[in-house]
Amino acid sequence: MNWNTFYNLSNQIKHWIEKILGTLSALLMILVTLFALAEIFRRYVLGVVFEWGQDAVIYATMCSVAFFICVTQIKRGHLVMSAFLQLLSAYHFFRIIGLAKIFVSTVVCVFCGSLTFTSISTIQYSIKINELTESLFFLMWPFHTCLAIGLGLMSLVAFLQIIEDLHSYIKGDHFREKVELSTDV
């Protein structure tokens, strides 16, 4: 397989994940924020609320975050330890930085992949017992499914990054590249 083909495929996958999940996450967060503001108005001005309103805000916010964590993995924008990277870079420990990127991507891939795998039985069980939220208005399995999608795609992105990081390391790019301070090391 040609490396250019792999990188094109990897970039396309990341592009569509970022475009779809990033947009969906942003829209969901905007809608839930507007709904929460409307609920505040209803509670304190009108004296009434939807009894399911709090559950809607909590679970919609969590779904939005679950979708967006995959986008942060694409950008390597979470768990940033820039002071540590700057220190290693200042002392020219480029090889350690390259190995750390591979290690972190591997840990993220395995951890999120295992959570996704175990979430399948959780979703099935939630459907089986007809599990509901605290207000007894919403089913829980769609929320569990959103978490599984977010974590599963995060695992996929981390897997692609492992391959990219290994290829970059084997080529010796870690000696020539400037240290990215927005990496997930």
N, C-alpha and C. Protein backbone atom coordinates (compact mmCIF):
# COMPACT_ATOMS: atom_id res chain seq x y z
N MET A 1 0.84 -1.18 0.00
CA MET A 1 0.00 0.00 0.00
C MET A 1 0.89 1.25 0.00
N ASN A 2 0.55 2.17 -0.83
CA ASN A 2 1.28 3.43 -0.94
C ASN A 2 0.96 4.30 0.28
N TRP A 3 2.00 4.94 0.84
CA TRP A 3 1.79 5.77 2.03
C TRP A 3 0.95 7.00 1.72
N ASN A 4 1.07 7.52 0.50
CA ASN A 4 0.23 8.66 0.13
C ASN A 4 -1.24 8.28 0.14
N THR A 5 -1.53 7.07 -0.31
CA THR A 5 -2.91 6.58 -0.30
C THR A 5 -3.42 6.47 1.13
N PHE A 6 -2.58 5.92 2.00
CA PHE A 6 -2.97 5.81 3.41
C PHE A 6 -3.24 7.18 4.03
N TYR A 7 -2.31 8.12 3.81
CA TYR A 7 -2.47 9.46 4.39
C TYR A 7 -3.70 10.16 3.82
N ASN A 8 -3.98 9.98 2.54
CA ASN A 8 -5.19 10.57 1.95
C ASN A 8 -6.45 9.98 2.58
N LEU A 9 -6.47 8.66 2.73
CA LEU A 9 -7.61 8.00 3.35
C LEU A 9 -7.77 8.44 4.80
N SER A 10 -6.67 8.48 5.52
CA SER A 10 -6.69 8.91 6.92
C SER A 10 -7.21 10.34 7.05
N ASN A 11 -6.71 11.22 6.18
CA ASN A 11 -7.16 12.61 6.23
C ASN A 11 -8.62 12.76 5.85
N GLN A 12 -9.09 11.95 4.91
CA GLN A 12 -10.51 11.99 4.53
C GLN A 12 -11.39 11.54 5.69
N ILE A 13 -10.99 10.45 6.34
CA ILE A 13 -11.76 9.96 7.49
C ILE A 13 -11.81 11.02 8.58
N LYS A 14 -10.67 11.61 8.88
CA LYS A 14 -10.63 12.65 9.92
C LYS A 14 -11.44 13.88 9.52
N HIS A 15 -11.35 14.24 8.24
CA HIS A 15 -12.09 15.41 7.75
C HIS A 15 -13.60 15.21 7.95
N TRP A 16 -14.10 14.05 7.55
CA TRP A 16 -15.55 13.82 7.65
C TRP A 16 -16.00 13.66 9.09
N ILE A 17 -15.18 13.04 9.91
CA ILE A 17 -15.52 12.94 11.33
C ILE A 17 -15.59 14.34 11.93
N GLU A 18 -14.58 15.15 11.63
CA GLU A 18 -14.56 16.52 12.18
C GLU A 18 -15.73 17.34 11.66
N LYS A 19 -16.02 17.20 10.38
CA LYS A 19 -17.11 17.98 9.78
C LYS A 19 -18.46 17.56 10.34
N ILE A 20 -18.72 16.28 10.40
CA ILE A 20 -20.03 15.79 10.84
C ILE A 20 -20.18 15.91 12.36
N LEU A 21 -19.25 15.29 13.10
CA LEU A 21 -19.39 15.30 14.56
C LEU A 21 -19.12 16.67 15.17
N GLY A 22 -18.19 17.42 14.60
CA GLY A 22 -17.93 18.76 15.11
C GLY A 22 -19.15 19.66 14.94
N THR A 23 -19.76 19.60 13.77
CA THR A 23 -20.96 20.40 13.50
C THR A 23 -22.12 19.93 14.36
N LEU A 24 -22.33 18.63 14.43
CA LEU A 24 -23.42 18.08 15.24
C LEU A 24 -23.24 18.44 16.71
N SER A 25 -22.03 18.34 17.19
CA SER A 25 -21.73 18.68 18.58
C SER A 25 -22.00 20.16 18.86
N ALA A 26 -21.56 21.02 17.96
CA ALA A 26 -21.77 22.46 18.14
C ALA A 26 -23.25 22.81 18.11
N LEU A 27 -23.97 22.25 17.15
CA LEU A 27 -25.42 22.52 17.07
C LEU A 27 -26.15 22.02 18.31
N LEU A 28 -25.80 20.84 18.75
CA LEU A 28 -26.43 20.28 19.94
C LEU A 28 -26.15 21.15 21.16
N MET A 29 -24.92 21.61 21.29
CA MET A 29 -24.56 22.46 22.43
C MET A 29 -25.30 23.80 22.38
N ILE A 30 -25.42 24.38 21.19
CA ILE A 30 -26.16 25.64 21.05
C ILE A 30 -27.63 25.44 21.42
N LEU A 31 -28.23 24.38 20.89
CA LEU A 31 -29.64 24.11 21.18
C LEU A 31 -29.88 23.84 22.66
N VAL A 32 -29.01 23.08 23.27
CA VAL A 32 -29.20 22.76 24.69
C VAL A 32 -28.98 24.00 25.56
N THR A 33 -28.07 24.87 25.15
CA THR A 33 -27.86 26.12 25.89
C THR A 33 -29.10 27.01 25.79
N LEU A 34 -29.64 27.12 24.59
CA LEU A 34 -30.87 27.92 24.42
C LEU A 34 -32.03 27.32 25.22
N PHE A 35 -32.13 26.00 25.22
CA PHE A 35 -33.19 25.36 25.99
C PHE A 35 -32.99 25.61 27.49
N ALA A 36 -31.75 25.53 27.96
CA ALA A 36 -31.47 25.78 29.38
C ALA A 36 -31.82 27.22 29.75
N LEU A 37 -31.50 28.17 28.88
CA LEU A 37 -31.87 29.57 29.15
C LEU A 37 -33.38 29.74 29.17
N ALA A 38 -34.08 29.06 28.27
CA ALA A 38 -35.54 29.12 28.27
C ALA A 38 -36.11 28.51 29.56
N GLU A 39 -35.50 27.44 30.01
CA GLU A 39 -35.94 26.82 31.27
C GLU A 39 -35.71 27.73 32.46
N ILE A 40 -34.61 28.46 32.46
CA ILE A 40 -34.35 29.43 33.54
C ILE A 40 -35.44 30.50 33.53
N PHE A 41 -35.76 31.02 32.35
CA PHE A 41 -36.82 32.01 32.23
C PHE A 41 -38.15 31.44 32.71
N ARG A 42 -38.46 30.25 32.27
CA ARG A 42 -39.73 29.63 32.66
C ARG A 42 -39.80 29.42 34.17
N ARG A 43 -38.69 28.99 34.77
CA ARG A 43 -38.70 28.70 36.20
C ARG A 43 -38.84 29.97 37.03
N TYR A 44 -38.03 30.99 36.73
CA TYR A 44 -37.97 32.15 37.60
C TYR A 44 -38.95 33.26 37.23
N VAL A 45 -39.43 33.27 36.00
CA VAL A 45 -40.39 34.30 35.61
C VAL A 45 -41.81 33.73 35.58
N LEU A 46 -41.97 32.57 34.97
CA LEU A 46 -43.31 31.99 34.84
C LEU A 46 -43.67 31.04 35.97
N GLY A 47 -42.66 30.55 36.67
CA GLY A 47 -42.92 29.64 37.79
C GLY A 47 -43.24 28.21 37.40
N VAL A 48 -42.95 27.83 36.17
CA VAL A 48 -43.19 26.45 35.70
C VAL A 48 -41.95 25.95 34.96
N VAL A 49 -41.77 24.64 34.97
CA VAL A 49 -40.68 24.02 34.21
C VAL A 49 -41.16 22.69 33.65
N PHE A 50 -40.43 22.22 32.66
CA PHE A 50 -40.66 20.86 32.19
C PHE A 50 -39.99 19.94 33.21
N GLU A 51 -40.67 18.93 33.66
CA GLU A 51 -40.05 18.05 34.66
C GLU A 51 -38.90 17.24 34.08
N TRP A 52 -38.84 17.13 32.79
CA TRP A 52 -37.75 16.42 32.12
C TRP A 52 -36.65 17.36 31.64
N GLY A 53 -36.78 18.65 31.89
CA GLY A 53 -35.83 19.64 31.37
C GLY A 53 -34.41 19.44 31.82
N GLN A 54 -34.23 19.13 33.10
CA GLN A 54 -32.88 18.94 33.62
C GLN A 54 -32.21 17.73 32.98
N ASP A 55 -32.95 16.65 32.83
CA ASP A 55 -32.40 15.47 32.16
C ASP A 55 -32.03 15.78 30.71
N ALA A 56 -32.88 16.55 30.04
CA ALA A 56 -32.59 16.90 28.64
C ALA A 56 -31.28 17.68 28.53
N VAL A 57 -31.10 18.64 29.43
CA VAL A 57 -29.88 19.45 29.40
C VAL A 57 -28.66 18.60 29.71
N ILE A 58 -28.74 17.78 30.74
CA ILE A 58 -27.59 16.95 31.14
C ILE A 58 -27.20 15.98 30.03
N TYR A 59 -28.15 15.24 29.52
CA TYR A 59 -27.82 14.19 28.55
C TYR A 59 -27.47 14.76 27.17
N ALA A 60 -28.10 15.87 26.78
CA ALA A 60 -27.73 16.49 25.51
C ALA A 60 -26.31 17.07 25.59
N THR A 61 -25.97 17.66 26.73
CA THR A 61 -24.62 18.19 26.92
C THR A 61 -23.60 17.06 26.87
N MET A 62 -23.89 15.97 27.55
CA MET A 62 -22.96 14.84 27.55
C MET A 62 -22.83 14.22 26.15
N CYS A 63 -23.91 14.16 25.39
CA CYS A 63 -23.81 13.65 24.01
C CYS A 63 -22.96 14.57 23.16
N SER A 64 -23.11 15.87 23.34
CA SER A 64 -22.32 16.84 22.60
C SER A 64 -20.83 16.66 22.92
N VAL A 65 -20.52 16.50 24.18
CA VAL A 65 -19.12 16.29 24.59
C VAL A 65 -18.61 14.96 24.05
N ALA A 66 -19.44 13.92 24.11
CA ALA A 66 -19.02 12.61 23.61
C ALA A 66 -18.68 12.67 22.12
N PHE A 67 -19.45 13.43 21.36
CA PHE A 67 -19.14 13.57 19.94
C PHE A 67 -17.87 14.40 19.72
N PHE A 68 -17.67 15.42 20.55
CA PHE A 68 -16.56 16.33 20.30
C PHE A 68 -15.21 15.77 20.76
N ILE A 69 -15.20 14.81 21.67
CA ILE A 69 -13.90 14.27 22.11
C ILE A 69 -13.15 13.62 20.95
N CYS A 70 -13.88 13.11 20.00
CA CYS A 70 -13.24 12.54 18.81
C CYS A 70 -12.55 13.64 18.00
N VAL A 71 -13.20 14.79 17.90
CA VAL A 71 -12.61 15.92 17.17
C VAL A 71 -11.35 16.41 17.88
N THR A 72 -11.36 16.42 19.21
CA THR A 72 -10.16 16.84 19.93
C THR A 72 -9.01 15.85 19.73
N GLN A 73 -9.35 14.58 19.55
CA GLN A 73 -8.30 13.61 19.26
C GLN A 73 -7.70 13.86 17.88
N ILE A 74 -8.53 14.22 16.92
CA ILE A 74 -8.02 14.52 15.58
C ILE A 74 -7.02 15.67 15.65
N LYS A 75 -7.34 16.67 16.43
CA LYS A 75 -6.46 17.85 16.55
C LYS A 75 -5.38 17.66 17.60
N ARG A 76 -5.42 16.51 18.29
CA ARG A 76 -4.51 16.24 19.40
C ARG A 76 -4.56 17.39 20.40
N GLY A 77 -5.79 17.83 20.66
CA GLY A 77 -5.99 19.02 21.47
C GLY A 77 -6.44 18.76 22.89
N HIS A 78 -6.24 17.59 23.41
CA HIS A 78 -6.60 17.32 24.79
C HIS A 78 -5.38 16.75 25.51
N LEU A 79 -5.40 16.79 26.80
CA LEU A 79 -4.30 16.29 27.62
C LEU A 79 -2.96 16.89 27.22
N VAL A 80 -2.95 18.17 26.90
CA VAL A 80 -1.73 18.81 26.43
C VAL A 80 -0.80 19.09 27.61
N MET A 81 0.43 18.65 27.46
CA MET A 81 1.46 18.88 28.48
C MET A 81 2.60 19.65 27.82
N SER A 82 2.32 20.88 27.41
CA SER A 82 3.28 21.63 26.61
C SER A 82 4.57 21.94 27.36
N ALA A 83 4.51 22.17 28.67
CA ALA A 83 5.74 22.47 29.43
C ALA A 83 6.69 21.27 29.38
N PHE A 84 6.14 20.07 29.50
CA PHE A 84 6.94 18.85 29.43
C PHE A 84 7.57 18.70 28.05
N LEU A 85 6.78 18.97 27.01
CA LEU A 85 7.29 18.87 25.64
C LEU A 85 8.37 19.91 25.37
N GLN A 86 8.15 21.12 25.87
CA GLN A 86 9.16 22.17 25.68
C GLN A 86 10.46 21.80 26.38
N LEU A 87 10.35 21.22 27.55
CA LEU A 87 11.55 20.81 28.28
C LEU A 87 12.31 19.73 27.51
N LEU A 88 11.59 18.72 27.04
CA LEU A 88 12.25 17.65 26.26
C LEU A 88 12.86 18.20 24.98
N SER A 89 12.15 19.10 24.34
CA SER A 89 12.64 19.69 23.10
C SER A 89 13.87 20.55 23.35
N ALA A 90 13.86 21.29 24.43
CA ALA A 90 15.00 22.16 24.75
C ALA A 90 16.28 21.35 24.96
N TYR A 91 16.13 20.15 25.51
CA TYR A 91 17.30 19.30 25.74
C TYR A 91 17.52 18.29 24.61
N HIS A 92 16.82 18.50 23.50
CA HIS A 92 16.98 17.71 22.27
C HIS A 92 16.66 16.22 22.47
N PHE A 93 15.64 15.94 23.26
CA PHE A 93 15.17 14.56 23.42
C PHE A 93 14.05 14.29 22.41
N PHE A 94 14.35 14.47 21.13
CA PHE A 94 13.34 14.34 20.08
C PHE A 94 12.84 12.91 19.95
N ARG A 95 13.73 11.96 20.15
CA ARG A 95 13.35 10.56 20.04
C ARG A 95 12.31 10.20 21.11
N ILE A 96 12.49 10.72 22.32
CA ILE A 96 11.53 10.45 23.40
C ILE A 96 10.18 11.07 23.08
N ILE A 97 10.19 12.26 22.49
CA ILE A 97 8.93 12.91 22.11
C ILE A 97 8.21 12.06 21.07
N GLY A 98 8.96 11.56 20.07
CA GLY A 98 8.35 10.69 19.05
C GLY A 98 7.79 9.42 19.65
N LEU A 99 8.53 8.80 20.56
CA LEU A 99 8.04 7.58 21.22
C LEU A 99 6.84 7.87 22.11
N ALA A 100 6.86 9.03 22.77
CA ALA A 100 5.74 9.39 23.64
C ALA A 100 4.46 9.58 22.84
N LYS A 101 4.56 10.16 21.64
CA LYS A 101 3.37 10.31 20.78
C LYS A 101 2.80 8.94 20.42
N ILE A 102 3.69 8.02 20.07
CA ILE A 102 3.24 6.66 19.73
C ILE A 102 2.59 6.01 20.94
N PHE A 103 3.22 6.13 22.10
CA PHE A 103 2.69 5.53 23.33
C PHE A 103 1.32 6.09 23.68
N VAL A 104 1.19 7.41 23.65
CA VAL A 104 -0.09 8.03 24.02
C VAL A 104 -1.19 7.65 23.04
N SER A 105 -0.89 7.66 21.75
CA SER A 105 -1.89 7.26 20.76
C SER A 105 -2.32 5.82 20.97
N THR A 106 -1.37 4.95 21.34
CA THR A 106 -1.69 3.55 21.59
C THR A 106 -2.58 3.40 22.82
N VAL A 107 -2.26 4.11 23.89
CA VAL A 107 -3.07 4.05 25.11
C VAL A 107 -4.49 4.54 24.83
N VAL A 108 -4.60 5.65 24.11
CA VAL A 108 -5.93 6.20 23.77
C VAL A 108 -6.71 5.20 22.92
N CYS A 109 -6.06 4.61 21.94
CA CYS A 109 -6.72 3.64 21.06
C CYS A 109 -7.23 2.44 21.84
N VAL A 110 -6.38 1.87 22.68
CA VAL A 110 -6.77 0.67 23.44
C VAL A 110 -7.84 1.00 24.47
N PHE A 111 -7.67 2.11 25.18
CA PHE A 111 -8.63 2.48 26.22
C PHE A 111 -10.00 2.77 25.62
N CYS A 112 -10.05 3.62 24.60
CA CYS A 112 -11.34 3.96 23.99
C CYS A 112 -11.95 2.77 23.25
N GLY A 113 -11.10 1.96 22.64
CA GLY A 113 -11.60 0.76 21.97
C GLY A 113 -12.22 -0.22 22.95
N SER A 114 -11.59 -0.38 24.12
CA SER A 114 -12.14 -1.30 25.11
C SER A 114 -13.44 -0.75 25.70
N LEU A 115 -13.52 0.56 25.90
CA LEU A 115 -14.77 1.15 26.39
C LEU A 115 -15.89 0.99 25.36
N THR A 116 -15.54 1.14 24.08
CA THR A 116 -16.53 0.96 23.02
C THR A 116 -17.01 -0.49 22.98
N PHE A 117 -16.08 -1.41 23.08
CA PHE A 117 -16.43 -2.83 23.05
C PHE A 117 -17.36 -3.19 24.20
N THR A 118 -17.04 -2.73 25.41
CA THR A 118 -17.88 -3.06 26.56
C THR A 118 -19.19 -2.29 26.56
N SER A 119 -19.25 -1.18 25.82
CA SER A 119 -20.50 -0.42 25.79
C SER A 119 -21.59 -1.14 25.00
N ILE A 120 -21.21 -2.05 24.14
CA ILE A 120 -22.21 -2.79 23.36
C ILE A 120 -23.14 -3.57 24.28
N SER A 121 -22.58 -4.26 25.26
CA SER A 121 -23.43 -5.00 26.20
C SER A 121 -24.24 -4.05 27.07
N THR A 122 -23.69 -2.89 27.39
CA THR A 122 -24.43 -1.90 28.18
C THR A 122 -25.63 -1.39 27.40
N ILE A 123 -25.44 -1.12 26.12
CA ILE A 123 -26.55 -0.65 25.27
C ILE A 123 -27.61 -1.74 25.17
N GLN A 124 -27.19 -2.98 24.94
CA GLN A 124 -28.15 -4.08 24.84
C GLN A 124 -28.93 -4.25 26.15
N TYR A 125 -28.25 -4.17 27.27
CA TYR A 125 -28.91 -4.31 28.57
C TYR A 125 -29.88 -3.15 28.82
N SER A 126 -29.46 -1.96 28.45
CA SER A 126 -30.31 -0.77 28.62
C SER A 126 -31.59 -0.89 27.80
N ILE A 127 -31.47 -1.42 26.60
CA ILE A 127 -32.66 -1.64 25.76
C ILE A 127 -33.53 -2.73 26.37
N LYS A 128 -32.89 -3.80 26.83
CA LYS A 128 -33.61 -4.94 27.38
C LYS A 128 -34.47 -4.55 28.59
N ILE A 129 -33.91 -3.75 29.51
CA ILE A 129 -34.66 -3.41 30.72
C ILE A 129 -35.44 -2.10 30.57
N ASN A 130 -35.36 -1.50 29.37
CA ASN A 130 -36.08 -0.26 29.11
C ASN A 130 -35.68 0.83 30.11
N GLU A 131 -34.35 0.98 30.30
CA GLU A 131 -33.80 1.92 31.28
C GLU A 131 -34.16 3.36 30.92
N LEU A 132 -34.59 4.12 31.92
CA LEU A 132 -34.99 5.51 31.72
C LEU A 132 -34.12 6.44 32.56
N THR A 133 -34.15 7.73 32.20
CA THR A 133 -33.44 8.74 32.97
C THR A 133 -34.18 8.98 34.28
N GLU A 134 -33.62 9.84 35.12
CA GLU A 134 -34.19 10.11 36.44
C GLU A 134 -35.63 10.62 36.37
N SER A 135 -35.92 11.43 35.36
CA SER A 135 -37.27 11.97 35.23
C SER A 135 -38.25 10.96 34.62
N LEU A 136 -37.72 9.80 34.24
CA LEU A 136 -38.51 8.72 33.62
C LEU A 136 -39.13 9.15 32.29
N PHE A 137 -38.48 10.08 31.62
CA PHE A 137 -39.01 10.57 30.36
C PHE A 137 -38.20 10.10 29.16
N PHE A 138 -36.88 10.01 29.30
CA PHE A 138 -36.00 9.64 28.19
C PHE A 138 -35.42 8.24 28.40
N LEU A 139 -35.30 7.51 27.30
CA LEU A 139 -34.60 6.23 27.34
C LEU A 139 -33.10 6.47 27.43
N MET A 140 -32.38 5.60 28.11
CA MET A 140 -30.94 5.77 28.29
C MET A 140 -30.11 5.23 27.13
N TRP A 141 -30.63 4.25 26.38
CA TRP A 141 -29.79 3.63 25.36
C TRP A 141 -29.32 4.61 24.27
N PRO A 142 -30.10 5.65 23.88
CA PRO A 142 -29.53 6.59 22.90
C PRO A 142 -28.32 7.34 23.45
N PHE A 143 -28.34 7.67 24.74
CA PHE A 143 -27.20 8.33 25.37
C PHE A 143 -26.00 7.39 25.38
N HIS A 144 -26.21 6.14 25.75
CA HIS A 144 -25.11 5.17 25.74
C HIS A 144 -24.56 4.99 24.32
N THR A 145 -25.43 5.03 23.34
CA THR A 145 -25.01 4.88 21.94
C THR A 145 -24.16 6.07 21.50
N CYS A 146 -24.55 7.28 21.90
CA CYS A 146 -23.74 8.46 21.58
C CYS A 146 -22.34 8.35 22.18
N LEU A 147 -22.27 7.90 23.42
CA LEU A 147 -20.95 7.71 24.05
C LEU A 147 -20.13 6.67 23.28
N ALA A 148 -20.77 5.57 22.90
CA ALA A 148 -20.07 4.52 22.17
C ALA A 148 -19.57 5.03 20.82
N ILE A 149 -20.37 5.81 20.12
CA ILE A 149 -19.95 6.36 18.83
C ILE A 149 -18.76 7.29 19.01
N GLY A 150 -18.85 8.19 19.98
CA GLY A 150 -17.75 9.13 20.22
C GLY A 150 -16.47 8.43 20.59
N LEU A 151 -16.55 7.47 21.51
CA LEU A 151 -15.35 6.74 21.93
C LEU A 151 -14.83 5.82 20.84
N GLY A 152 -15.73 5.19 20.10
CA GLY A 152 -15.30 4.31 19.01
C GLY A 152 -14.57 5.05 17.91
N LEU A 153 -15.10 6.20 17.54
CA LEU A 153 -14.42 6.99 16.51
C LEU A 153 -13.12 7.59 17.04
N MET A 154 -13.09 7.90 18.34
CA MET A 154 -11.84 8.37 18.93
C MET A 154 -10.78 7.27 18.88
N SER A 155 -11.19 6.04 19.11
CA SER A 155 -10.27 4.90 19.02
C SER A 155 -9.77 4.73 17.59
N LEU A 156 -10.66 4.88 16.61
CA LEU A 156 -10.28 4.77 15.21
C LEU A 156 -9.26 5.85 14.84
N VAL A 157 -9.52 7.08 15.26
CA VAL A 157 -8.60 8.18 14.96
C VAL A 157 -7.25 7.93 15.62
N ALA A 158 -7.27 7.46 16.87
CA ALA A 158 -6.01 7.17 17.56
C ALA A 158 -5.25 6.05 16.85
N PHE A 159 -5.97 5.06 16.32
CA PHE A 159 -5.32 3.98 15.56
C PHE A 159 -4.63 4.53 14.32
N LEU A 160 -5.32 5.41 13.60
CA LEU A 160 -4.71 6.03 12.42
C LEU A 160 -3.48 6.85 12.83
N GLN A 161 -3.58 7.52 13.98
CA GLN A 161 -2.44 8.32 14.45
C GLN A 161 -1.27 7.45 14.87
N ILE A 162 -1.55 6.27 15.39
CA ILE A 162 -0.45 5.33 15.72
C ILE A 162 0.34 5.01 14.45
N ILE A 163 -0.37 4.67 13.39
CA ILE A 163 0.29 4.32 12.13
C ILE A 163 1.07 5.52 11.59
N GLU A 164 0.43 6.70 11.64
CA GLU A 164 1.12 7.91 11.16
C GLU A 164 2.36 8.21 12.00
N ASP A 165 2.22 8.08 13.32
CA ASP A 165 3.35 8.36 14.21
C ASP A 165 4.48 7.36 14.02
N LEU A 166 4.13 6.07 13.85
CA LEU A 166 5.16 5.06 13.60
C LEU A 166 5.89 5.33 12.28
N HIS A 167 5.12 5.64 11.25
CA HIS A 167 5.73 5.93 9.95
C HIS A 167 6.64 7.15 10.04
N SER A 168 6.18 8.17 10.72
CA SER A 168 6.97 9.39 10.91
C SER A 168 8.24 9.10 11.70
N TYR A 169 8.10 8.27 12.72
CA TYR A 169 9.26 7.92 13.57
C TYR A 169 10.29 7.12 12.78
N ILE A 170 9.82 6.15 12.00
CA ILE A 170 10.72 5.31 11.21
C ILE A 170 11.47 6.15 10.17
N LYS A 171 10.75 7.14 9.59
CA LYS A 171 11.40 8.04 8.61
C LYS A 171 12.39 8.99 9.28
N GLY A 172 12.30 9.14 10.59
CA GLY A 172 13.19 10.06 11.30
C GLY A 172 12.69 11.49 11.34
N ASP A 173 11.40 11.68 11.11
CA ASP A 173 10.84 13.03 11.12
C ASP A 173 10.98 13.73 12.46
N HIS A 174 11.07 12.95 13.52
CA HIS A 174 11.16 13.57 14.85
C HIS A 174 12.45 14.37 15.03
N PHE A 175 13.46 14.10 14.19
CA PHE A 175 14.70 14.88 14.26
C PHE A 175 14.58 16.20 13.51
N ARG A 176 13.69 16.27 12.52
CA ARG A 176 13.58 17.45 11.67
C ARG A 176 12.39 18.35 12.02
N GLU A 177 11.34 17.76 12.59
CA GLU A 177 10.12 18.53 12.83
C GLU A 177 10.22 19.36 14.09
N LYS A 178 9.52 20.48 14.04
CA LYS A 178 9.40 21.31 15.23
C LYS A 178 8.37 20.64 16.13
N VAL A 179 8.56 20.73 17.43
CA VAL A 179 7.66 20.08 18.37
C VAL A 179 6.30 20.77 18.34
N GLU A 180 5.26 19.98 18.17
CA GLU A 180 3.91 20.51 18.20
C GLU A 180 3.50 20.63 19.67
N LEU A 181 3.12 21.83 20.07
CA LEU A 181 2.73 22.01 21.46
C LEU A 181 1.28 21.61 21.68
N SER A 182 0.58 21.32 20.61
CA SER A 182 -0.80 20.87 20.77
C SER A 182 -0.88 19.38 20.49
N THR A 183 0.01 18.63 21.02
CA THR A 183 -0.02 17.18 20.84
C THR A 183 -0.59 16.55 22.11
N ASP A 184 -1.00 15.34 22.02
CA ASP A 184 -1.64 14.70 23.18
C ASP A 184 -0.66 13.94 24.04
N VAL A 185 0.57 14.39 24.11
CA VAL A 185 1.56 13.78 24.97
C VAL A 185 1.47 14.42 26.33
